Amino acid sequence: MGGFSLWHWLIVGLVILLLFGKGRFSDMMGDVAKGLKSFKKGMTEDEEAEQRRIAAERIVEAQPVPPAPAPAPEVAPAPAADADRQA
């Protein structure tokens, strides 16, 4: 009583085929397949970009940091009075 038999499903399928037509139905399934392929491609591109970013961070972290240059010693100018005495 509550379930559909094989004949019911065949009639429903025939009505759907008549409404949408054979070409439309196959076009819709092709569009669904293209959408799935595009989604999978997008997911793999995101994963590859993430892996490249992580690899780049590892390369940056692995490079040694160059030591800071030593500060130049300050040379005090000679007083002018001492220069006059030596001359």
Protein backbone atom coordinates (compact mmCIF):
# COMPACT_ATOMS: atom_id res chain seq x y z
CA MET A 1 0.00 0.00 0.00
CA GLY A 2 2.63 2.52 1.02
CA GLY A 3 5.41 1.63 -1.45
CA PHE A 4 5.85 2.10 -5.15
CA SER A 5 6.16 -0.91 -7.41
CA LEU A 6 8.42 -1.27 -10.42
CA TRP A 7 5.62 -0.10 -12.72
CA HIS A 8 5.16 3.10 -10.77
CA TRP A 9 8.87 3.94 -11.06
CA LEU A 10 8.87 3.18 -14.79
CA ILE A 11 5.92 5.51 -15.34
CA VAL A 12 7.57 8.28 -13.26
CA GLY A 13 10.78 7.85 -15.25
CA LEU A 14 8.89 8.00 -18.54
CA VAL A 15 7.08 11.19 -17.48
CA ILE A 16 10.39 12.79 -16.46
CA LEU A 17 11.92 11.80 -19.80
CA LEU A 18 8.97 13.28 -21.66
CA LEU A 19 9.12 16.53 -19.70
CA PHE A 20 12.84 17.09 -19.93
CA GLY A 21 13.62 15.17 -23.09
CA LYS A 22 16.54 12.84 -23.67
CA GLY A 23 18.95 15.61 -24.66
CA ARG A 24 18.07 17.86 -21.72
CA PHE A 25 18.50 15.09 -19.19
CA SER A 26 21.92 14.08 -20.52
CA ASP A 27 22.94 17.76 -20.69
CA MET A 28 21.97 18.20 -17.04
CA MET A 29 23.99 15.16 -16.03
CA GLY A 30 26.94 16.45 -18.04
CA ASP A 31 26.68 19.81 -16.27
CA VAL A 32 26.62 18.06 -12.90
CA ALA A 33 29.72 16.08 -13.86
CA LYS A 34 31.51 19.27 -14.98
CA GLY A 35 30.60 20.93 -11.71
CA LEU A 36 32.02 18.04 -9.71
CA LYS A 37 35.25 18.06 -11.75
CA SER A 38 35.59 21.80 -11.27
CA PHE A 39 35.02 21.44 -7.53
CA LYS A 40 37.66 18.71 -7.22
CA LYS A 41 40.12 20.76 -9.28
CA GLY A 42 39.57 23.77 -7.05
CA MET A 43 40.12 21.70 -3.93
CA THR A 44 43.42 20.26 -5.22
CA GLU A 45 44.61 23.74 -6.26
CA ASP A 46 43.88 25.02 -2.75
CA GLU A 47 45.78 22.12 -1.21
CA GLU A 48 48.75 22.65 -3.55
CA ALA A 49 48.84 26.37 -2.75
CA GLU A 50 48.80 25.59 0.97
CA GLN A 51 51.64 23.07 0.57
CA ARG A 52 53.71 25.61 -1.41
CA ARG A 53 53.13 28.23 1.29
CA ILE A 54 54.23 25.83 4.04
CA ALA A 55 57.30 24.81 2.04
CA ALA A 56 58.23 28.46 1.50
CA GLU A 57 57.91 29.14 5.22
CA ARG A 58 60.20 26.20 5.97
CA ILE A 59 62.80 27.52 3.54
CA VAL A 60 62.70 30.94 5.16
CA GLU A 61 63.01 29.42 8.62
CA ALA A 62 65.91 27.20 7.54
CA GLN A 63 68.06 30.07 6.27
CA PRO A 64 70.58 31.25 8.89
CA VAL A 65 70.27 34.80 10.08
CA PRO A 66 73.43 36.79 9.30
CA PRO A 67 75.12 38.23 12.39
CA ALA A 68 74.61 41.90 13.06
CA PRO A 69 77.61 44.03 12.07
CA ALA A 70 79.81 45.08 14.97
CA PRO A 71 79.43 48.73 15.89
CA ALA A 72 82.30 50.90 14.70
CA PRO A 73 84.50 52.20 17.52
CA GLU A 74 83.97 55.85 18.22
CA VAL A 75 87.02 58.00 17.62
CA ALA A 76 87.13 61.12 19.77
CA PRO A 77 88.44 64.18 17.96
CA ALA A 78 91.68 65.56 19.31
CA PRO A 79 91.29 68.77 21.27
CA ALA A 80 92.41 71.87 19.39
CA ALA A 81 94.72 73.00 22.22
CA ASP A 82 96.80 69.82 22.00
CA ALA A 83 97.25 70.31 18.25
CA ASP A 84 98.67 73.80 18.79
CA ARG A 85 101.24 72.62 21.38
CA GLN A 86 102.61 69.89 19.12
CA ALA A 87 103.24 72.25 16.24
